[in-house]
Structures are given as structure tokens and as C-alpha cells.
Amino acid sequence: MRRKVYTAAVGRLTDANGAIAIAASALFVQVPIEHFMKFGNKEQIDIAIADRASGGPSWRTGGHEVEVNP
């Protein structure tokens, strides 16, 4: 299993050879949920799981400390 994904993109004006308007890069690290179940804060994990089951924390304006992504 690959754990790391590095991605980069460049956005250009007008066409593929246009001036660069924006450049971005990101590193994503996949961590199995078992890691958080073993080493995480149980209370925060339970809140995140409940939020995910109910459609996510979108109703909470400030979010919370832990989120579970699909």
C-alpha cells in the first residue's frame, strides 16, 4: 500500500501556454483508521464517527479537532 501521494498543478491564463496564474502542490499521507483507534483520543474519535454517520460536521460552524474522511 502506498501511504504518500504528492501532487502538483499549474493553472495558466487563456490556454496551455499562457502565463502561470497559480501553482499549487500538496502531500497527502494515508493513515489507517486503526492507528487512530489505537493511539487517538477516544472521545474525539467517537465524536468524529458520529458526525460522519450523520452526514458530517457541516452543521457545526467551527468544526472539531478530528474529522473522519471517506
C-alpha atoms as a PDB file:
ATOM      1  CA  MET A   1       0.000   0.000   0.000  1.00  0.00           C
ATOM      2  CA  ARG A   2       1.278   3.459  -0.888  1.00  0.00           C
ATOM      3  CA  ARG A   3       0.959   5.803   2.040  1.00  0.00           C
ATOM      4  CA  LYS A   4       2.112   9.059   0.453  1.00  0.00           C
ATOM      5  CA  VAL A   5       0.694  10.924  -2.519  1.00  0.00           C
ATOM      6  CA  TYR A   6       2.414  14.049  -3.812  1.00  0.00           C
ATOM      7  CA  THR A   7       0.581  16.162  -6.337  1.00  0.00           C
ATOM      8  CA  ALA A   8       1.248  19.452  -8.056  1.00  0.00           C
ATOM      9  CA  ALA A   9      -0.648  21.593 -10.547  1.00  0.00           C
ATOM     10  CA  VAL A  10      -0.203  24.785 -12.512  1.00  0.00           C
ATOM     11  CA  GLY A  11      -3.070  26.989 -13.656  1.00  0.00           C
ATOM     12  CA  ARG A  12      -2.452  29.135 -16.734  1.00  0.00           C
ATOM     13  CA  LEU A  13      -4.256  32.089 -18.259  1.00  0.00           C
ATOM     14  CA  THR A  14      -6.004  31.789 -21.641  1.00  0.00           C
ATOM     15  CA  ASP A  15      -4.518  28.448 -22.831  1.00  0.00           C
ATOM     16  CA  ALA A  16      -1.971  25.695 -22.095  1.00  0.00           C
ATOM     17  CA  ASN A  17       0.916  28.038 -22.974  1.00  0.00           C
ATOM     18  CA  GLY A  18      -0.444  31.128 -21.198  1.00  0.00           C
ATOM     19  CA  ALA A  19       1.125  32.893 -18.263  1.00  0.00           C
ATOM     20  CA  ILE A  20       1.085  30.985 -14.984  1.00  0.00           C
ATOM     21  CA  ALA A  21      -1.726  32.304 -12.793  1.00  0.00           C
ATOM     22  CA  ILE A  22      -1.422  29.864  -9.915  1.00  0.00           C
ATOM     23  CA  ALA A  23       0.773  26.977  -8.805  1.00  0.00           C
ATOM     24  CA  ALA A  24      -0.009  24.549  -6.021  1.00  0.00           C
ATOM     25  CA  SER A  25       1.415  21.401  -4.501  1.00  0.00           C
ATOM     26  CA  ALA A  26       0.348  19.091  -1.710  1.00  0.00           C
ATOM     27  CA  LEU A  27       1.451  15.996   0.155  1.00  0.00           C
ATOM     28  CA  PHE A  28      -1.233  13.611   1.408  1.00  0.00           C
ATOM     29  CA  VAL A  29      -0.353  10.868   3.873  1.00  0.00           C
ATOM     30  CA  GLN A  30      -2.794   7.996   4.242  1.00  0.00           C
ATOM     31  CA  VAL A  31      -3.016   6.752   7.815  1.00  0.00           C
ATOM     32  CA  PRO A  32      -5.169   3.684   8.522  1.00  0.00           C
ATOM     33  CA  ILE A  33      -8.069   4.275  10.931  1.00  0.00           C
ATOM     34  CA  GLU A  34      -6.607   1.561  13.192  1.00  0.00           C
ATOM     35  CA  HIS A  35      -3.742   3.933  14.038  1.00  0.00           C
ATOM     36  CA  PHE A  36      -6.185   6.488  15.444  1.00  0.00           C
ATOM     37  CA  MET A  37      -8.228   3.844  17.216  1.00  0.00           C
ATOM     38  CA  LYS A  38      -5.067   2.655  18.982  1.00  0.00           C
ATOM     39  CA  PHE A  39      -3.296   5.966  19.666  1.00  0.00           C
ATOM     40  CA  GLY A  40      -6.038   8.610  19.374  1.00  0.00           C
ATOM     41  CA  ASN A  41      -8.280  10.365  21.857  1.00  0.00           C
ATOM     42  CA  LYS A  42     -11.299   8.027  22.226  1.00  0.00           C
ATOM     43  CA  GLU A  43     -13.736  10.854  22.956  1.00  0.00           C
ATOM     44  CA  GLN A  44     -12.736  12.825  19.833  1.00  0.00           C
ATOM     45  CA  ILE A  45     -12.818   9.679  17.677  1.00  0.00           C
ATOM     46  CA  ASP A  46     -16.350   8.861  18.868  1.00  0.00           C
ATOM     47  CA  ILE A  47     -17.493  12.417  18.051  1.00  0.00           C
ATOM     48  CA  ALA A  48     -15.924  12.248  14.577  1.00  0.00           C
ATOM     49  CA  ILE A  49     -17.528   8.869  13.834  1.00  0.00           C
ATOM     50  CA  ALA A  50     -20.941  10.103  14.996  1.00  0.00           C
ATOM     51  CA  ASP A  51     -20.597  13.247  12.855  1.00  0.00           C
ATOM     52  CA  ARG A  52     -19.633  11.179   9.820  1.00  0.00           C
ATOM     53  CA  ALA A  53     -22.591   8.837  10.322  1.00  0.00           C
ATOM     54  CA  SER A  54     -24.968  11.814  10.477  1.00  0.00           C
ATOM     55  CA  GLY A  55     -23.649  13.394   7.278  1.00  0.00           C
ATOM     56  CA  GLY A  56     -20.633  15.227   8.633  1.00  0.00           C
ATOM     57  CA  PRO A  57     -19.934  18.255  10.820  1.00  0.00           C
ATOM     58  CA  SER A  58     -21.225  20.781   8.262  1.00  0.00           C
ATOM     59  CA  TRP A  59     -23.826  21.986  10.773  1.00  0.00           C
ATOM     60  CA  ARG A  60     -21.039  22.887  13.214  1.00  0.00           C
ATOM     61  CA  THR A  61     -19.558  26.249  12.183  1.00  0.00           C
ATOM     62  CA  GLY A  62     -16.199  25.717  13.887  1.00  0.00           C
ATOM     63  CA  GLY A  63     -15.805  22.027  13.068  1.00  0.00           C
ATOM     64  CA  HIS A  64     -13.960  19.986  15.657  1.00  0.00           C
ATOM     65  CA  GLU A  65     -10.467  18.680  16.375  1.00  0.00           C
ATOM     66  CA  VAL A  66     -10.803  15.384  14.479  1.00  0.00           C
ATOM     67  CA  GLU A  67     -12.624  14.549  11.240  1.00  0.00           C
ATOM     68  CA  VAL A  68     -13.051  11.175   9.524  1.00  0.00           C
ATOM     69  CA  ASN A  69     -12.820  11.354   5.725  1.00  0.00           C
ATOM     70  CA  PRO A  70     -14.462   8.759   3.481  1.00  0.00           C
END
